[in-house]
Amino acid sequence: MYSDKVMDHFTSPRNVGEIENADGIGEVGNAKCGDIMKIYLKIENDIIKDVKFKTFGCGAAVATSSIATEMIKGKTVEEAQKLTNKAVVEALDGLPPQKIHCSVLAEEAVKAAIEDYKKKHNK
């Protein structure tokens, strides 16, 4: 049902935790499935230097959060803003159709954190 990459990111998620005094924080949730994602960004000179996440939800939600943080770390804010749920699914070698919404939440959480950063820093 799940790819090896999904299982790897679920059992050994990367970048779990919080960033104190984060430059941007994005929190999104889906009441229907109960998944809640929170992404923290540390940004220097328009580059995402650090990113952490906390996710309450199913294995696919944890895996999509983990891979999304890996995909944007070291990127510019502009590059990170182009992250799509499709790219997240592809990076995980696919998700079952009923779990695609988790990749959408990962995309939305990243974009919400970037928007928060832009508001806080008048960008």
PDB file of N, CA and C in Angstrom:
ATOM      1  N   MET A   1       0.827  -1.200   0.000  1.00  0.00           N
ATOM      2  CA  MET A   1       0.000   0.000   0.000  1.00  0.00           C
ATOM      3  C   MET A   1       0.874   1.268   0.000  1.00  0.00           C
ATOM      4  N   TYR A   2       1.897   1.298   0.872  1.00  0.00           N
ATOM      5  CA  TYR A   2       2.787   2.452   0.921  1.00  0.00           C
ATOM      6  C   TYR A   2       4.149   2.090   0.338  1.00  0.00           C
ATOM      7  N   SER A   3       4.781   3.073  -0.315  1.00  0.00           N
ATOM      8  CA  SER A   3       6.117   2.862  -0.881  1.00  0.00           C
ATOM      9  C   SER A   3       7.152   2.769   0.254  1.00  0.00           C
ATOM     10  N   ASP A   4       8.331   2.259  -0.086  1.00  0.00           N
ATOM     11  CA  ASP A   4       9.419   2.185   0.891  1.00  0.00           C
ATOM     12  C   ASP A   4       9.789   3.572   1.401  1.00  0.00           C
ATOM     13  N   LYS A   5       9.723   4.576   0.509  1.00  0.00           N
ATOM     14  CA  LYS A   5      10.065   5.952   0.923  1.00  0.00           C
ATOM     15  C   LYS A   5       9.057   6.490   1.927  1.00  0.00           C
ATOM     16  N   VAL A   6       7.779   6.212   1.710  1.00  0.00           N
ATOM     17  CA  VAL A   6       6.756   6.659   2.664  1.00  0.00           C
ATOM     18  C   VAL A   6       7.026   6.017   4.018  1.00  0.00           C
ATOM     19  N   MET A   7       7.277   4.715   4.007  1.00  0.00           N
ATOM     20  CA  MET A   7       7.525   4.003   5.268  1.00  0.00           C
ATOM     21  C   MET A   7       8.786   4.533   5.960  1.00  0.00           C
ATOM     22  N   ASP A   8       9.826   4.831   5.179  1.00  0.00           N
ATOM     23  CA  ASP A   8      11.064   5.364   5.742  1.00  0.00           C
ATOM     24  C   ASP A   8      10.828   6.713   6.414  1.00  0.00           C
ATOM     25  N   HIS A   9      10.107   7.608   5.733  1.00  0.00           N
ATOM     26  CA  HIS A   9       9.854   8.940   6.295  1.00  0.00           C
ATOM     27  C   HIS A   9       8.848   8.899   7.443  1.00  0.00           C
ATOM     28  N   PHE A  10       8.016   7.850   7.484  1.00  0.00           N
ATOM     29  CA  PHE A  10       7.095   7.705   8.608  1.00  0.00           C
ATOM     30  C   PHE A  10       7.827   7.144   9.829  1.00  0.00           C
ATOM     31  N   THR A  11       8.642   6.128   9.623  1.00  0.00           N
ATOM     32  CA  THR A  11       9.319   5.487  10.760  1.00  0.00           C
ATOM     33  C   THR A  11      10.541   6.269  11.235  1.00  0.00           C
ATOM     34  N   SER A  12      11.157   7.030  10.328  1.00  0.00           N
ATOM     35  CA  SER A  12      12.329   7.847  10.682  1.00  0.00           C
ATOM     36  C   SER A  12      12.173   9.250  10.105  1.00  0.00           C
ATOM     37  N   PRO A  13      11.186  10.001  10.590  1.00  0.00           N
ATOM     38  CA  PRO A  13      10.952  11.332  10.019  1.00  0.00           C
ATOM     39  C   PRO A  13      12.125  12.272  10.239  1.00  0.00           C
ATOM     40  N   ARG A  14      12.375  13.111   9.255  1.00  0.00           N
ATOM     41  CA  ARG A  14      13.442  14.100   9.316  1.00  0.00           C
ATOM     42  C   ARG A  14      12.882  15.440   9.776  1.00  0.00           C
ATOM     43  N   ASN A  15      13.713  16.212  10.451  1.00  0.00           N
ATOM     44  CA  ASN A  15      13.384  17.604  10.812  1.00  0.00           C
ATOM     45  C   ASN A  15      12.185  17.751  11.743  1.00  0.00           C
ATOM     46  N   VAL A  16      12.004  16.803  12.652  1.00  0.00           N
ATOM     47  CA  VAL A  16      10.902  16.890  13.611  1.00  0.00           C
ATOM     48  C   VAL A  16      11.279  17.864  14.719  1.00  0.00           C
ATOM     49  N   GLY A  17      10.334  18.671  15.128  1.00  0.00           N
ATOM     50  CA  GLY A  17      10.552  19.561  16.259  1.00  0.00           C
ATOM     51  C   GLY A  17      10.061  20.962  16.004  1.00  0.00           C
ATOM     52  N   GLU A  18      10.517  21.881  16.849  1.00  0.00           N
ATOM     53  CA  GLU A  18      10.136  23.288  16.757  1.00  0.00           C
ATOM     54  C   GLU A  18      11.399  24.126  16.618  1.00  0.00           C
ATOM     55  N   ILE A  19      11.242  25.304  16.047  1.00  0.00           N
ATOM     56  CA  ILE A  19      12.338  26.275  16.006  1.00  0.00           C
ATOM     57  C   ILE A  19      11.899  27.449  16.868  1.00  0.00           C
ATOM     58  N   GLU A  20      12.680  27.711  17.930  1.00  0.00           N
ATOM     59  CA  GLU A  20      12.392  28.873  18.765  1.00  0.00           C
ATOM     60  C   GLU A  20      12.631  30.135  17.961  1.00  0.00           C
ATOM     61  N   ASN A  21      11.773  31.112  18.119  1.00  0.00           N
ATOM     62  CA  ASN A  21      11.881  32.383  17.395  1.00  0.00           C
ATOM     63  C   ASN A  21      11.942  32.157  15.884  1.00  0.00           C
ATOM     64  N   ALA A  22      11.096  31.275  15.398  1.00  0.00           N
ATOM     65  CA  ALA A  22      11.057  30.982  13.959  1.00  0.00           C
ATOM     66  C   ALA A  22      10.707  32.238  13.177  1.00  0.00           C
ATOM     67  N   ASP A  23      11.269  32.327  11.972  1.00  0.00           N
ATOM     68  CA  ASP A  23      10.974  33.466  11.100  1.00  0.00           C
ATOM     69  C   ASP A  23       9.597  33.333  10.457  1.00  0.00           C
ATOM     70  N   GLY A  24       9.130  32.117  10.326  1.00  0.00           N
ATOM     71  CA  GLY A  24       7.809  31.874   9.761  1.00  0.00           C
ATOM     72  C   GLY A  24       7.240  30.591  10.320  1.00  0.00           C
ATOM     73  N   ILE A  25       5.945  30.597  10.639  1.00  0.00           N
ATOM     74  CA  ILE A  25       5.268  29.406  11.146  1.00  0.00           C
ATOM     75  C   ILE A  25       3.975  29.244  10.371  1.00  0.00           C
ATOM     76  N   GLY A  26       3.755  28.043   9.867  1.00  0.00           N
ATOM     77  CA  GLY A  26       2.518  27.749   9.153  1.00  0.00           C
ATOM     78  C   GLY A  26       1.825  26.561   9.782  1.00  0.00           C
ATOM     79  N   GLU A  27       0.552  26.722  10.088  1.00  0.00           N
ATOM     80  CA  GLU A  27      -0.215  25.612  10.658  1.00  0.00           C
ATOM     81  C   GLU A  27      -1.472  25.418   9.824  1.00  0.00           C
ATOM     82  N   VAL A  28      -1.665  24.186   9.399  1.00  0.00           N
ATOM     83  CA  VAL A  28      -2.858  23.850   8.624  1.00  0.00           C
ATOM     84  C   VAL A  28      -3.433  22.555   9.175  1.00  0.00           C
ATOM     85  N   GLY A  29      -4.710  22.373   8.924  1.00  0.00           N
ATOM     86  CA  GLY A  29      -5.348  21.154   9.404  1.00  0.00           C
ATOM     87  C   GLY A  29      -6.531  20.782   8.542  1.00  0.00           C
ATOM     88  N   ASN A  30      -6.886  19.530   8.646  1.00  0.00           N
ATOM     89  CA  ASN A  30      -8.038  19.016   7.921  1.00  0.00           C
ATOM     90  C   ASN A  30      -8.929  18.336   8.944  1.00  0.00           C
ATOM     91  N   ALA A  31     -10.017  18.997   9.296  1.00  0.00           N
ATOM     92  CA  ALA A  31     -10.914  18.471  10.326  1.00  0.00           C
ATOM     93  C   ALA A  31     -11.505  17.119   9.940  1.00  0.00           C
ATOM     94  N   LYS A  32     -11.686  16.903   8.647  1.00  0.00           N
ATOM     95  CA  LYS A  32     -12.291  15.655   8.163  1.00  0.00           C
ATOM     96  C   LYS A  32     -11.447  14.442   8.551  1.00  0.00           C
ATOM     97  N   CYS A  33     -10.133  14.551   8.383  1.00  0.00           N
ATOM     98  CA  CYS A  33      -9.271  13.401   8.672  1.00  0.00           C
ATOM     99  C   CYS A  33      -8.512  13.551   9.980  1.00  0.00           C
ATOM    100  N   GLY A  34      -8.500  14.762  10.543  1.00  0.00           N
ATOM    101  CA  GLY A  34      -7.840  14.976  11.826  1.00  0.00           C
ATOM    102  C   GLY A  34      -6.359  15.285  11.748  1.00  0.00           C
ATOM    103  N   ASP A  35      -5.811  15.417  10.543  1.00  0.00           N
ATOM    104  CA  ASP A  35      -4.388  15.723  10.406  1.00  0.00           C
ATOM    105  C   ASP A  35      -4.135  17.208  10.635  1.00  0.00           C
ATOM    106  N   ILE A  36      -3.109  17.516  11.432  1.00  0.00           N
ATOM    107  CA  ILE A  36      -2.700  18.896  11.672  1.00  0.00           C
ATOM    108  C   ILE A  36      -1.187  18.971  11.488  1.00  0.00           C
ATOM    109  N   MET A  37      -0.739  19.929  10.682  1.00  0.00           N
ATOM    110  CA  MET A  37       0.687  20.112  10.421  1.00  0.00           C
ATOM    111  C   MET A  37       1.097  21.521  10.806  1.00  0.00           C
ATOM    112  N   LYS A  38       2.277  21.598  11.406  1.00  0.00           N
ATOM    113  CA  LYS A  38       2.845  22.892  11.754  1.00  0.00           C
ATOM    114  C   LYS A  38       4.288  22.888  11.264  1.00  0.00           C
ATOM    115  N   ILE A  39       4.647  23.890  10.461  1.00  0.00           N
ATOM    116  CA  ILE A  39       5.995  23.997   9.899  1.00  0.00           C
ATOM    117  C   ILE A  39       6.637  25.286  10.411  1.00  0.00           C
ATOM    118  N   TYR A  40       7.893  25.164  10.822  1.00  0.00           N
ATOM    119  CA  TYR A  40       8.681  26.287  11.343  1.00  0.00           C
ATOM    120  C   TYR A  40       9.846  26.548  10.389  1.00  0.00           C
ATOM    121  N   LEU A  41      10.085  27.815  10.056  1.00  0.00           N
ATOM    122  CA  LEU A  41      11.179  28.184   9.153  1.00  0.00           C
ATOM    123  C   LEU A  41      12.163  29.122   9.832  1.00  0.00           C
ATOM    124  N   LYS A  42      13.441  28.885   9.583  1.00  0.00           N
ATOM    125  CA  LYS A  42      14.512  29.812   9.959  1.00  0.00           C
ATOM    126  C   LYS A  42      15.135  30.260   8.641  1.00  0.00           C
ATOM    127  N   ILE A  43      15.062  31.561   8.363  1.00  0.00           N
ATOM    128  CA  ILE A  43      15.478  32.082   7.064  1.00  0.00           C
ATOM    129  C   ILE A  43      16.563  33.137   7.249  1.00  0.00           C
ATOM    130  N   GLU A  44      17.643  32.991   6.479  1.00  0.00           N
ATOM    131  CA  GLU A  44      18.728  33.974   6.474  1.00  0.00           C
ATOM    132  C   GLU A  44      19.052  34.330   5.033  1.00  0.00           C
ATOM    133  N   ASN A  45      19.091  35.618   4.747  1.00  0.00           N
ATOM    134  CA  ASN A  45      19.389  36.090   3.386  1.00  0.00           C
ATOM    135  C   ASN A  45      18.526  35.393   2.330  1.00  0.00           C
ATOM    136  N   ASP A  46      17.239  35.255   2.644  1.00  0.00           N
ATOM    137  CA  ASP A  46      16.261  34.677   1.728  1.00  0.00           C
ATOM    138  C   ASP A  46      16.462  33.168   1.480  1.00  0.00           C
ATOM    139  N   ILE A  47      17.294  32.515   2.284  1.00  0.00           N
ATOM    140  CA  ILE A  47      17.536  31.071   2.161  1.00  0.00           C
ATOM    141  C   ILE A  47      16.969  30.376   3.396  1.00  0.00           C
ATOM    142  N   ILE A  48      16.274  29.257   3.186  1.00  0.00           N
ATOM    143  CA  ILE A  48      15.745  28.483   4.304  1.00  0.00           C
ATOM    144  C   ILE A  48      16.900  27.691   4.911  1.00  0.00           C
ATOM    145  N   LYS A  49      17.388  28.192   6.037  1.00  0.00           N
ATOM    146  CA  LYS A  49      18.542  27.583   6.705  1.00  0.00           C
ATOM    147  C   LYS A  49      18.128  26.389   7.553  1.00  0.00           C
ATOM    148  N   ASP A  50      16.933  26.456   8.127  1.00  0.00           N
ATOM    149  CA  ASP A  50      16.443  25.349   8.940  1.00  0.00           C
ATOM    150  C   ASP A  50      14.934  25.284   8.809  1.00  0.00           C
ATOM    151  N   VAL A  51      14.425  24.080   8.927  1.00  0.00           N
ATOM    152  CA  VAL A  51      12.984  23.860   8.866  1.00  0.00           C
ATOM    153  C   VAL A  51      12.665  22.666   9.750  1.00  0.00           C
ATOM    154  N   LYS A  52      11.614  22.816  10.544  1.00  0.00           N
ATOM    155  CA  LYS A  52      11.170  21.740  11.435  1.00  0.00           C
ATOM    156  C   LYS A  52       9.657  21.615  11.292  1.00  0.00           C
ATOM    157  N   PHE A  53       9.156  20.453  11.708  1.00  0.00           N
ATOM    158  CA  PHE A  53       7.708  20.274  11.663  1.00  0.00           C
ATOM    159  C   PHE A  53       7.219  19.476  12.854  1.00  0.00           C
ATOM    160  N   LYS A  54       5.945  19.693  13.151  1.00  0.00           N
ATOM    161  CA  LYS A  54       5.209  18.874  14.102  1.00  0.00           C
ATOM    162  C   LYS A  54       3.913  18.510  13.405  1.00  0.00           C
ATOM    163  N   THR A  55       3.645  17.228  13.341  1.00  0.00           N
ATOM    164  CA  THR A  55       2.429  16.770  12.668  1.00  0.00           C
ATOM    165  C   THR A  55       1.682  15.809  13.571  1.00  0.00           C
ATOM    166  N   PHE A  56       0.387  16.047  13.685  1.00  0.00           N
ATOM    167  CA  PHE A  56      -0.507  15.134  14.370  1.00  0.00           C
ATOM    168  C   PHE A  56      -1.350  14.507  13.281  1.00  0.00           C
ATOM    169  N   GLY A  57      -1.185  13.213  13.070  1.00  0.00           N
ATOM    170  CA  GLY A  57      -1.978  12.579  12.027  1.00  0.00           C
ATOM    171  C   GLY A  57      -1.477  11.198  11.678  1.00  0.00           C
ATOM    172  N   CYS A  58      -1.923  10.739  10.542  1.00  0.00           N
ATOM    173  CA  CYS A  58      -1.603   9.398  10.077  1.00  0.00           C
ATOM    174  C   CYS A  58      -0.170   9.313   9.550  1.00  0.00           C
ATOM    175  N   GLY A  59       0.254   8.115   9.221  1.00  0.00           N
ATOM    176  CA  GLY A  59       1.601   7.891   8.700  1.00  0.00           C
ATOM    177  C   GLY A  59       1.896   8.688   7.451  1.00  0.00           C
ATOM    178  N   ALA A  60       0.922   8.799   6.563  1.00  0.00           N
ATOM    179  CA  ALA A  60       1.124   9.561   5.324  1.00  0.00           C
ATOM    180  C   ALA A  60       1.311  11.048   5.634  1.00  0.00           C
ATOM    181  N   ALA A  61       0.618  11.559   6.641  1.00  0.00           N
ATOM    182  CA  ALA A  61       0.771  12.968   7.023  1.00  0.00           C
ATOM    183  C   ALA A  61       2.174  13.223   7.560  1.00  0.00           C
ATOM    184  N   VAL A  62       2.681  12.313   8.372  1.00  0.00           N
ATOM    185  CA  VAL A  62       4.039  12.450   8.909  1.00  0.00           C
ATOM    186  C   VAL A  62       5.053  12.371   7.761  1.00  0.00           C
ATOM    187  N   ALA A  63       4.869  11.400   6.873  1.00  0.00           N
ATOM    188  CA  ALA A  63       5.805  11.213   5.755  1.00  0.00           C
ATOM    189  C   ALA A  63       5.822  12.420   4.813  1.00  0.00           C
ATOM    190  N   THR A  64       4.658  12.977   4.511  1.00  0.00           N
ATOM    191  CA  THR A  64       4.621  14.125   3.601  1.00  0.00           C
ATOM    192  C   THR A  64       5.242  15.351   4.259  1.00  0.00           C
ATOM    193  N   SER A  65       5.040  15.527   5.562  1.00  0.00           N
ATOM    194  CA  SER A  65       5.674  16.635   6.284  1.00  0.00           C
ATOM    195  C   SER A  65       7.191  16.484   6.242  1.00  0.00           C
ATOM    196  N   SER A  66       7.657  15.282   6.517  1.00  0.00           N
ATOM    197  CA  SER A  66       9.091  15.010   6.556  1.00  0.00           C
ATOM    198  C   SER A  66       9.750  15.281   5.204  1.00  0.00           C
ATOM    199  N   ILE A  67       9.185  14.734   4.137  1.00  0.00           N
ATOM    200  CA  ILE A  67       9.797  14.908   2.808  1.00  0.00           C
ATOM    201  C   ILE A  67       9.700  16.365   2.358  1.00  0.00           C
ATOM    202  N   ALA A  68       8.613  17.044   2.689  1.00  0.00           N
ATOM    203  CA  ALA A  68       8.468  18.450   2.293  1.00  0.00           C
ATOM    204  C   ALA A  68       9.557  19.302   2.941  1.00  0.00           C
ATOM    205  N   THR A  69       9.872  19.029   4.214  1.00  0.00           N
ATOM    206  CA  THR A  69      10.926  19.804   4.875  1.00  0.00           C
ATOM    207  C   THR A  69      12.272  19.527   4.212  1.00  0.00           C
ATOM    208  N   GLU A  70      12.509  18.282   3.837  1.00  0.00           N
ATOM    209  CA  GLU A  70      13.753  17.928   3.142  1.00  0.00           C
ATOM    210  C   GLU A  70      13.848  18.659   1.799  1.00  0.00           C
ATOM    211  N   MET A  71      12.726  18.787   1.125  1.00  0.00           N
ATOM    212  CA  MET A  71      12.697  19.378  -0.216  1.00  0.00           C
ATOM    213  C   MET A  71      12.945  20.883  -0.218  1.00  0.00           C
ATOM    214  N   ILE A  72      12.610  21.567   0.890  1.00  0.00           N
ATOM    215  CA  ILE A  72      12.764  23.029   0.887  1.00  0.00           C
ATOM    216  C   ILE A  72      14.005  23.510   1.638  1.00  0.00           C
ATOM    217  N   LYS A  73      14.606  22.660   2.446  1.00  0.00           N
ATOM    218  CA  LYS A  73      15.791  23.064   3.220  1.00  0.00           C
ATOM    219  C   LYS A  73      16.917  23.446   2.269  1.00  0.00           C
ATOM    220  N   GLY A  74      17.494  24.635   2.497  1.00  0.00           N
ATOM    221  CA  GLY A  74      18.584  25.109   1.653  1.00  0.00           C
ATOM    222  C   GLY A  74      18.128  25.862   0.408  1.00  0.00           C
ATOM    223  N   LYS A  75      16.835  25.887   0.175  1.00  0.00           N
ATOM    224  CA  LYS A  75      16.288  26.575  -0.999  1.00  0.00           C
ATOM    225  C   LYS A  75      15.994  28.035  -0.654  1.00  0.00           C
ATOM    226  N   THR A  76      15.829  28.850  -1.705  1.00  0.00           N
ATOM    227  CA  THR A  76      15.384  30.219  -1.478  1.00  0.00           C
ATOM    228  C   THR A  76      13.895  30.189  -1.130  1.00  0.00           C
ATOM    229  N   VAL A  77      13.425  31.268  -0.546  1.00  0.00           N
ATOM    230  CA  VAL A  77      12.008  31.374  -0.219  1.00  0.00           C
ATOM    231  C   VAL A  77      11.177  31.218  -1.495  1.00  0.00           C
ATOM    232  N   GLU A  78      11.633  31.851  -2.565  1.00  0.00           N
ATOM    233  CA  GLU A  78      10.913  31.779  -3.846  1.00  0.00           C
ATOM    234  C   GLU A  78      10.838  30.346  -4.370  1.00  0.00           C
ATOM    235  N   GLU A  79      11.938  29.622  -4.285  1.00  0.00           N
ATOM    236  CA  GLU A  79      11.934  28.219  -4.732  1.00  0.00           C
ATOM    237  C   GLU A  79      11.000  27.378  -3.868  1.00  0.00           C
ATOM    238  N   ALA A  80      11.056  27.573  -2.557  1.00  0.00           N
ATOM    239  CA  ALA A  80      10.226  26.802  -1.631  1.00  0.00           C
ATOM    240  C   ALA A  80       8.745  27.063  -1.863  1.00  0.00           C
ATOM    241  N   GLN A  81       8.427  28.298  -2.243  1.00  0.00           N
ATOM    242  CA  GLN A  81       7.029  28.659  -2.472  1.00  0.00           C
ATOM    243  C   GLN A  81       6.436  27.913  -3.667  1.00  0.00           C
ATOM    244  N   LYS A  82       7.291  27.382  -4.536  1.00  0.00           N
ATOM    245  CA  LYS A  82       6.831  26.651  -5.719  1.00  0.00           C
ATOM    246  C   LYS A  82       6.586  25.169  -5.440  1.00  0.00           C
ATOM    247  N   LEU A  83       6.818  24.737  -4.196  1.00  0.00           N
ATOM    248  CA  LEU A  83       6.573  23.340  -3.836  1.00  0.00           C
ATOM    249  C   LEU A  83       5.117  22.984  -4.116  1.00  0.00           C
ATOM    250  N   THR A  84       4.901  21.845  -4.757  1.00  0.00           N
ATOM    251  CA  THR A  84       3.531  21.396  -5.042  1.00  0.00           C
ATOM    252  C   THR A  84       3.279  20.056  -4.368  1.00  0.00           C
ATOM    253  N   ASN A  85       2.008  19.769  -4.128  1.00  0.00           N
ATOM    254  CA  ASN A  85       1.674  18.476  -3.543  1.00  0.00           C
ATOM    255  C   ASN A  85       2.065  17.347  -4.498  1.00  0.00           C
ATOM    256  N   LYS A  86       2.013  17.616  -5.805  1.00  0.00           N
ATOM    257  CA  LYS A  86       2.402  16.602  -6.790  1.00  0.00           C
ATOM    258  C   LYS A  86       3.886  16.250  -6.635  1.00  0.00           C
ATOM    259  N   ALA A  87       4.721  17.267  -6.421  1.00  0.00           N
ATOM    260  CA  ALA A  87       6.154  17.027  -6.221  1.00  0.00           C
ATOM    261  C   ALA A  87       6.392  16.217  -4.943  1.00  0.00           C
ATOM    262  N   VAL A  88       5.612  16.485  -3.912  1.00  0.00           N
ATOM    263  CA  VAL A  88       5.720  15.744  -2.648  1.00  0.00           C
ATOM    264  C   VAL A  88       5.361  14.275  -2.887  1.00  0.00           C
ATOM    265  N   VAL A  89       4.270  14.032  -3.586  1.00  0.00           N
ATOM    266  CA  VAL A  89       3.844  12.656  -3.892  1.00  0.00           C
ATOM    267  C   VAL A  89       4.921  11.941  -4.702  1.00  0.00           C
ATOM    268  N   GLU A  90       5.459  12.620  -5.721  1.00  0.00           N
ATOM    269  CA  GLU A  90       6.492  12.010  -6.559  1.00  0.00           C
ATOM    270  C   GLU A  90       7.749  11.692  -5.748  1.00  0.00           C
ATOM    271  N   ALA A  91       8.132  12.587  -4.849  1.00  0.00           N
ATOM    272  CA  ALA A  91       9.329  12.372  -4.024  1.00  0.00           C
ATOM    273  C   ALA A  91       9.169  11.159  -3.106  1.00  0.00           C
ATOM    274  N   LEU A  92       7.926  10.849  -2.767  1.00  0.00           N
ATOM    275  CA  LEU A  92       7.640   9.686  -1.917  1.00  0.00           C
ATOM    276  C   LEU A  92       7.342   8.425  -2.735  1.00  0.00           C
ATOM    277  N   ASP A  93       7.514   8.501  -4.043  1.00  0.00           N
ATOM    278  CA  ASP A  93       7.192   7.375  -4.937  1.00  0.00           C
ATOM    279  C   ASP A  93       5.720   6.983  -4.854  1.00  0.00           C
ATOM    280  N   GLY A  94       4.875   8.001  -4.667  1.00  0.00           N
ATOM    281  CA  GLY A  94       3.429   7.784  -4.709  1.00  0.00           C
ATOM    282  C   GLY A  94       2.778   7.657  -3.345  1.00  0.00           C
ATOM    283  N   LEU A  95       1.475   7.924  -3.358  1.00  0.00           N
ATOM    284  CA  LEU A  95       0.617   7.753  -2.184  1.00  0.00           C
ATOM    285  C   LEU A  95      -0.693   7.130  -2.642  1.00  0.00           C
ATOM    286  N   PRO A  96      -1.345   6.374  -1.769  1.00  0.00           N
ATOM    287  CA  PRO A  96      -2.679   5.868  -2.136  1.00  0.00           C
ATOM    288  C   PRO A  96      -3.625   7.052  -2.379  1.00  0.00           C
ATOM    289  N   PRO A  97      -4.582   6.899  -3.291  1.00  0.00           N
ATOM    290  CA  PRO A  97      -5.497   8.014  -3.614  1.00  0.00           C
ATOM    291  C   PRO A  97      -6.158   8.649  -2.389  1.00  0.00           C
ATOM    292  N   GLN A  98      -6.521   7.848  -1.410  1.00  0.00           N
ATOM    293  CA  GLN A  98      -7.198   8.388  -0.226  1.00  0.00           C
ATOM    294  C   GLN A  98      -6.256   9.156   0.698  1.00  0.00           C
ATOM    295  N   LYS A  99      -4.955   9.161   0.379  1.00  0.00           N
ATOM    296  CA  LYS A  99      -3.978   9.876   1.208  1.00  0.00           C
ATOM    297  C   LYS A  99      -3.362  11.089   0.496  1.00  0.00           C
ATOM    298  N   ILE A 100      -3.810  11.384  -0.709  1.00  0.00           N
ATOM    299  CA  ILE A 100      -3.283  12.535  -1.462  1.00  0.00           C
ATOM    300  C   ILE A 100      -3.504  13.831  -0.686  1.00  0.00           C
ATOM    301  N   HIS A 101      -4.601  13.908   0.076  1.00  0.00           N
ATOM    302  CA  HIS A 101      -4.873  15.132   0.842  1.00  0.00           C
ATOM    303  C   HIS A 101      -3.729  15.467   1.810  1.00  0.00           C
ATOM    304  N   CYS A 102      -2.968  14.461   2.236  1.00  0.00           N
ATOM    305  CA  CYS A 102      -1.833  14.714   3.132  1.00  0.00           C
ATOM    306  C   CYS A 102      -0.751  15.528   2.422  1.00  0.00           C
ATOM    307  N   SER A 103      -0.542  15.227   1.140  1.00  0.00           N
ATOM    308  CA  SER A 103       0.457  15.990   0.383  1.00  0.00           C
ATOM    309  C   SER A 103      -0.020  17.423   0.163  1.00  0.00           C
ATOM    310  N   VAL A 104      -1.322  17.594   0.026  1.00  0.00           N
ATOM    311  CA  VAL A 104      -1.885  18.945  -0.120  1.00  0.00           C
ATOM    312  C   VAL A 104      -1.661  19.732   1.176  1.00  0.00           C
ATOM    313  N   LEU A 105      -1.857  19.076   2.310  1.00  0.00           N
ATOM    314  CA  LEU A 105      -1.616  19.746   3.592  1.00  0.00           C
ATOM    315  C   LEU A 105      -0.149  20.147   3.735  1.00  0.00           C
ATOM    316  N   ALA A 106       0.770  19.292   3.295  1.00  0.00           N
ATOM    317  CA  ALA A 106       2.199  19.609   3.378  1.00  0.00           C
ATOM    318  C   ALA A 106       2.512  20.852   2.545  1.00  0.00           C
ATOM    319  N   GLU A 107       1.980  20.905   1.331  1.00  0.00           N
ATOM    320  CA  GLU A 107       2.171  22.080   0.476  1.00  0.00           C
ATOM    321  C   GLU A 107       1.594  23.325   1.149  1.00  0.00           C
ATOM    322  N   GLU A 108       0.386  23.208   1.677  1.00  0.00           N
ATOM    323  CA  GLU A 108      -0.275  24.357   2.306  1.00  0.00           C
ATOM    324  C   GLU A 108       0.479  24.823   3.550  1.00  0.00           C
ATOM    325  N   ALA A 109       1.031  23.895   4.327  1.00  0.00           N
ATOM    326  CA  ALA A 109       1.767  24.264   5.546  1.00  0.00           C
ATOM    327  C   ALA A 109       3.037  25.029   5.196  1.00  0.00           C
ATOM    328  N   VAL A 110       3.751  24.567   4.161  1.00  0.00           N
ATOM    329  CA  VAL A 110       4.965  25.274   3.715  1.00  0.00           C
ATOM    330  C   VAL A 110       4.598  26.680   3.257  1.00  0.00           C
ATOM    331  N   LYS A 111       3.561  26.788   2.445  1.00  0.00           N
ATOM    332  CA  LYS A 111       3.163  28.094   1.918  1.00  0.00           C
ATOM    333  C   LYS A 111       2.653  29.017   3.025  1.00  0.00           C
ATOM    334  N   ALA A 112       1.967  28.460   4.020  1.00  0.00           N
ATOM    335  CA  ALA A 112       1.491  29.269   5.144  1.00  0.00           C
ATOM    336  C   ALA A 112       2.667  29.791   5.962  1.00  0.00           C
ATOM    337  N   ALA A 113       3.707  28.979   6.140  1.00  0.00           N
ATOM    338  CA  ALA A 113       4.896  29.415   6.882  1.00  0.00           C
ATOM    339  C   ALA A 113       5.620  30.521   6.123  1.00  0.00           C
ATOM    340  N   ILE A 114       5.689  30.393   4.806  1.00  0.00           N
ATOM    341  CA  ILE A 114       6.326  31.424   3.983  1.00  0.00           C
ATOM    342  C   ILE A 114       5.528  32.728   4.044  1.00  0.00           C
ATOM    343  N   GLU A 115       4.211  32.624   3.974  1.00  0.00           N
ATOM    344  CA  GLU A 115       3.366  33.821   4.072  1.00  0.00           C
ATOM    345  C   GLU A 115       3.544  34.504   5.422  1.00  0.00           C
ATOM    346  N   ASP A 116       3.632  33.699   6.480  1.00  0.00           N
ATOM    347  CA  ASP A 116       3.853  34.241   7.816  1.00  0.00           C
ATOM    348  C   ASP A 116       5.191  34.977   7.863  1.00  0.00           C
ATOM    349  N   TYR A 117       6.218  34.392   7.284  1.00  0.00           N
ATOM    350  CA  TYR A 117       7.544  35.023   7.210  1.00  0.00           C
ATOM    351  C   TYR A 117       7.450  36.365   6.476  1.00  0.00           C
ATOM    352  N   LYS A 118       6.773  36.361   5.335  1.00  0.00           N
ATOM    353  CA  LYS A 118       6.668  37.585   4.532  1.00  0.00           C
ATOM    354  C   LYS A 118       5.923  38.690   5.286  1.00  0.00           C
ATOM    355  N   LYS A 119       4.869  38.318   6.003  1.00  0.00           N
ATOM    356  CA  LYS A 119       4.117  39.305   6.793  1.00  0.00           C
ATOM    357  C   LYS A 119       4.983  39.886   7.912  1.00  0.00           C
ATOM    358  N   LYS A 120       5.688  39.013   8.620  1.00  0.00           N
ATOM    359  CA  LYS A 120       6.522  39.465   9.738  1.00  0.00           C
ATOM    360  C   LYS A 120       7.673  40.341   9.293  1.00  0.00           C
ATOM    361  N   HIS A 121       8.145  40.144   8.062  1.00  0.00           N
ATOM    362  CA  HIS A 121       9.319  40.863   7.582  1.00  0.00           C
ATOM    363  C   HIS A 121       9.006  41.837   6.440  1.00  0.00           C
ATOM    364  N   ASN A 122       7.726  42.165   6.316  1.00  0.00           N
ATOM    365  CA  ASN A 122       7.284  43.139   5.303  1.00  0.00           C
ATOM    366  C   ASN A 122       7.838  42.862   3.917  1.00  0.00           C
ATOM    367  N   LYS A 123       7.673  41.638   3.464  1.00  0.00           N
ATOM    368  CA  LYS A 123       8.181  41.243   2.127  1.00  0.00           C
ATOM    369  C   LYS A 123       7.045  41.103   1.146  1.00  0.00           C
TER     370      LYS A 123
END
